[in-house]
Amino acid sequence: MAIKKENLLFHYNAMFNVSDSEHDDATKNWYDLSGNGNHGKINNGIWGNNFLVLDGSKTWINAGQYVLNDGAT
């Protein structure tokens, strides 16, 4: 199964969290690889080696609010 990369609203990748080729364990922003600028602000999450730990109650990612239209991915 191929990973879809076209016409996305968001595209987050824990391996490349600050650009399309870099990872930073200290960043508090998660770079949107879709090119739409929908970067996420990480609240209390902890980066590991190519993953992000969220506890489900006191940690979250704020990427704003979006209205999904027909055909949105």
N, C-alpha and C. Protein backbone atom coordinates (compact mmCIF):
# COMPACT_ATOMS: atom_id res chain seq x y z
N MET A 1 0.85 -1.17 0.00
CA MET A 1 0.00 0.00 0.00
C MET A 1 0.90 1.24 0.00
N ALA A 2 0.70 2.10 -0.97
CA ALA A 2 1.49 3.32 -1.09
C ALA A 2 0.95 4.40 -0.15
N ILE A 3 1.83 5.22 0.35
CA ILE A 3 1.43 6.34 1.19
C ILE A 3 1.08 7.52 0.30
N LYS A 4 -0.10 8.05 0.48
CA LYS A 4 -0.56 9.17 -0.31
C LYS A 4 0.19 10.43 0.11
N LYS A 5 0.66 11.21 -0.87
CA LYS A 5 1.41 12.43 -0.57
C LYS A 5 0.86 13.64 -1.30
N GLU A 6 -0.14 13.49 -2.16
CA GLU A 6 -0.70 14.60 -2.91
C GLU A 6 -2.03 15.04 -2.30
N ASN A 7 -2.34 16.31 -2.43
CA ASN A 7 -3.62 16.89 -2.00
C ASN A 7 -3.93 16.65 -0.52
N LEU A 8 -2.93 16.71 0.33
CA LEU A 8 -3.13 16.53 1.77
C LEU A 8 -3.32 17.88 2.45
N LEU A 9 -4.12 17.91 3.50
CA LEU A 9 -4.23 19.10 4.34
C LEU A 9 -3.05 19.19 5.30
N PHE A 10 -2.64 18.04 5.85
CA PHE A 10 -1.53 17.92 6.79
C PHE A 10 -0.70 16.71 6.39
N HIS A 11 0.57 16.76 6.70
CA HIS A 11 1.43 15.59 6.55
C HIS A 11 2.50 15.70 7.62
N TYR A 12 2.36 14.91 8.68
CA TYR A 12 3.31 14.90 9.78
C TYR A 12 4.10 13.60 9.74
N ASN A 13 5.40 13.69 9.98
CA ASN A 13 6.27 12.53 9.96
C ASN A 13 7.24 12.68 11.14
N ALA A 14 7.22 11.74 12.05
CA ALA A 14 8.08 11.83 13.24
C ALA A 14 9.57 11.74 12.89
N MET A 15 9.89 11.09 11.78
CA MET A 15 11.29 10.99 11.38
C MET A 15 11.82 12.34 10.89
N PHE A 16 10.98 13.09 10.19
CA PHE A 16 11.37 14.40 9.66
C PHE A 16 10.43 15.44 10.26
N ASN A 17 10.67 15.81 11.52
CA ASN A 17 9.72 16.64 12.25
C ASN A 17 9.96 18.14 12.13
N VAL A 18 11.09 18.57 11.58
CA VAL A 18 11.36 20.00 11.45
C VAL A 18 11.58 20.45 10.01
N SER A 19 11.71 19.51 9.10
CA SER A 19 11.83 19.81 7.67
C SER A 19 11.63 18.51 6.92
N ASP A 20 11.75 18.56 5.60
CA ASP A 20 11.57 17.33 4.83
C ASP A 20 12.80 16.42 4.88
N SER A 21 13.82 16.80 5.67
CA SER A 21 15.01 15.94 5.76
C SER A 21 15.68 15.97 7.13
N GLU A 22 15.06 16.59 8.16
CA GLU A 22 15.71 16.71 9.46
C GLU A 22 14.79 16.32 10.62
N HIS A 23 15.41 15.85 11.71
CA HIS A 23 14.71 15.53 12.95
C HIS A 23 15.39 16.29 14.08
N ASP A 24 14.60 16.82 15.01
CA ASP A 24 15.13 17.55 16.17
C ASP A 24 14.35 17.11 17.40
N ASP A 25 15.02 16.47 18.36
CA ASP A 25 14.36 15.99 19.57
C ASP A 25 13.91 17.12 20.50
N ALA A 26 14.37 18.35 20.28
CA ALA A 26 14.02 19.46 21.15
C ALA A 26 12.90 20.35 20.61
N THR A 27 12.45 20.12 19.39
CA THR A 27 11.46 21.02 18.80
C THR A 27 10.10 20.93 19.50
N LYS A 28 9.43 22.06 19.58
CA LYS A 28 8.08 22.13 20.13
C LYS A 28 7.07 22.36 19.01
N ASN A 29 7.54 22.38 17.77
CA ASN A 29 6.67 22.54 16.61
C ASN A 29 6.87 21.34 15.69
N TRP A 30 5.78 20.83 15.14
CA TRP A 30 5.85 19.69 14.23
C TRP A 30 5.58 20.20 12.83
N TYR A 31 6.58 20.12 11.99
CA TYR A 31 6.56 20.67 10.64
C TYR A 31 5.57 19.91 9.75
N ASP A 32 4.73 20.65 9.06
CA ASP A 32 3.76 20.09 8.12
C ASP A 32 4.44 19.89 6.77
N LEU A 33 4.65 18.65 6.38
CA LEU A 33 5.34 18.32 5.12
C LEU A 33 4.45 18.46 3.90
N SER A 34 3.16 18.78 4.08
CA SER A 34 2.24 18.92 2.93
C SER A 34 2.52 20.18 2.13
N GLY A 35 3.23 21.13 2.73
CA GLY A 35 3.48 22.40 2.07
C GLY A 35 2.41 23.44 2.34
N ASN A 36 1.39 23.09 3.15
CA ASN A 36 0.29 24.01 3.45
C ASN A 36 0.54 24.89 4.66
N GLY A 37 1.64 24.67 5.36
CA GLY A 37 1.97 25.50 6.52
C GLY A 37 1.14 25.21 7.76
N ASN A 38 0.52 24.04 7.85
CA ASN A 38 -0.30 23.66 9.00
C ASN A 38 0.57 23.00 10.07
N HIS A 39 1.60 23.71 10.51
CA HIS A 39 2.52 23.17 11.50
C HIS A 39 1.80 23.02 12.84
N GLY A 40 2.14 21.98 13.56
CA GLY A 40 1.51 21.72 14.85
C GLY A 40 2.37 22.19 16.01
N LYS A 41 1.75 22.74 17.04
CA LYS A 41 2.46 23.11 18.27
C LYS A 41 2.29 21.99 19.27
N ILE A 42 3.39 21.46 19.74
CA ILE A 42 3.39 20.33 20.67
C ILE A 42 3.33 20.84 22.10
N ASN A 43 2.35 20.37 22.85
CA ASN A 43 2.18 20.75 24.25
C ASN A 43 2.51 19.57 25.14
N ASN A 44 3.66 19.62 25.77
CA ASN A 44 4.12 18.63 26.75
C ASN A 44 4.47 17.27 26.18
N GLY A 45 4.55 17.12 24.89
CA GLY A 45 4.97 15.85 24.29
C GLY A 45 6.47 15.69 24.40
N ILE A 46 6.94 14.47 24.32
CA ILE A 46 8.36 14.17 24.42
C ILE A 46 8.79 13.40 23.18
N TRP A 47 9.80 13.91 22.47
CA TRP A 47 10.31 13.22 21.29
C TRP A 47 11.23 12.09 21.69
N GLY A 48 11.08 10.98 21.01
CA GLY A 48 12.01 9.88 21.08
C GLY A 48 12.74 9.81 19.75
N ASN A 49 13.36 8.71 19.48
CA ASN A 49 14.06 8.53 18.21
C ASN A 49 13.03 8.22 17.13
N ASN A 50 12.59 9.25 16.42
CA ASN A 50 11.61 9.15 15.33
C ASN A 50 10.20 8.82 15.80
N PHE A 51 9.84 9.22 17.02
CA PHE A 51 8.46 9.09 17.50
C PHE A 51 8.18 10.18 18.53
N LEU A 52 6.91 10.42 18.79
CA LEU A 52 6.48 11.42 19.75
C LEU A 52 5.61 10.73 20.80
N VAL A 53 5.91 10.96 22.07
CA VAL A 53 5.15 10.36 23.17
C VAL A 53 4.10 11.36 23.64
N LEU A 54 2.83 10.94 23.60
CA LEU A 54 1.71 11.72 24.13
C LEU A 54 1.02 10.87 25.18
N ASP A 55 0.67 11.46 26.34
CA ASP A 55 0.08 10.65 27.41
C ASP A 55 -1.43 10.49 27.31
N GLY A 56 -2.06 11.19 26.38
CA GLY A 56 -3.50 11.03 26.19
C GLY A 56 -4.35 11.94 27.03
N SER A 57 -3.76 12.70 27.95
CA SER A 57 -4.57 13.62 28.75
C SER A 57 -3.94 15.01 28.90
N LYS A 58 -2.65 15.08 29.16
CA LYS A 58 -2.00 16.38 29.39
C LYS A 58 -1.07 16.77 28.24
N THR A 59 -1.05 16.00 27.19
CA THR A 59 -0.21 16.31 26.03
C THR A 59 -1.07 16.30 24.78
N TRP A 60 -0.77 17.20 23.86
CA TRP A 60 -1.52 17.26 22.62
C TRP A 60 -0.74 18.04 21.58
N ILE A 61 -1.25 18.02 20.36
CA ILE A 61 -0.69 18.81 19.27
C ILE A 61 -1.78 19.74 18.78
N ASN A 62 -1.49 21.03 18.77
CA ASN A 62 -2.44 22.03 18.29
C ASN A 62 -2.06 22.41 16.87
N ALA A 63 -2.92 22.04 15.93
CA ALA A 63 -2.69 22.39 14.53
C ALA A 63 -3.79 23.31 14.03
N GLY A 64 -4.54 23.91 14.93
CA GLY A 64 -5.62 24.82 14.54
C GLY A 64 -6.91 24.08 14.26
N GLN A 65 -7.88 24.80 13.73
CA GLN A 65 -9.18 24.22 13.40
C GLN A 65 -9.38 24.32 11.90
N TYR A 66 -9.90 23.27 11.33
CA TYR A 66 -10.10 23.21 9.88
C TYR A 66 -11.46 22.60 9.57
N VAL A 67 -12.10 23.11 8.56
CA VAL A 67 -13.36 22.56 8.07
C VAL A 67 -13.02 21.63 6.91
N LEU A 68 -13.39 20.37 7.05
CA LEU A 68 -13.12 19.40 6.00
C LEU A 68 -14.25 19.37 5.00
N ASN A 69 -13.93 19.59 3.76
CA ASN A 69 -14.91 19.55 2.68
C ASN A 69 -14.92 18.17 2.04
N ASP A 70 -15.88 17.92 1.19
CA ASP A 70 -15.92 16.65 0.46
C ASP A 70 -14.61 16.43 -0.28
N GLY A 71 -14.07 15.26 -0.17
CA GLY A 71 -12.82 14.94 -0.85
C GLY A 71 -11.58 15.29 -0.08
N ALA A 72 -11.72 15.88 1.11
CA ALA A 72 -10.53 16.25 1.91
C ALA A 72 -9.89 14.99 2.46
N THR A 73 -8.58 15.02 2.57
CA THR A 73 -7.84 13.88 3.13
C THR A 73 -7.09 14.30 4.36
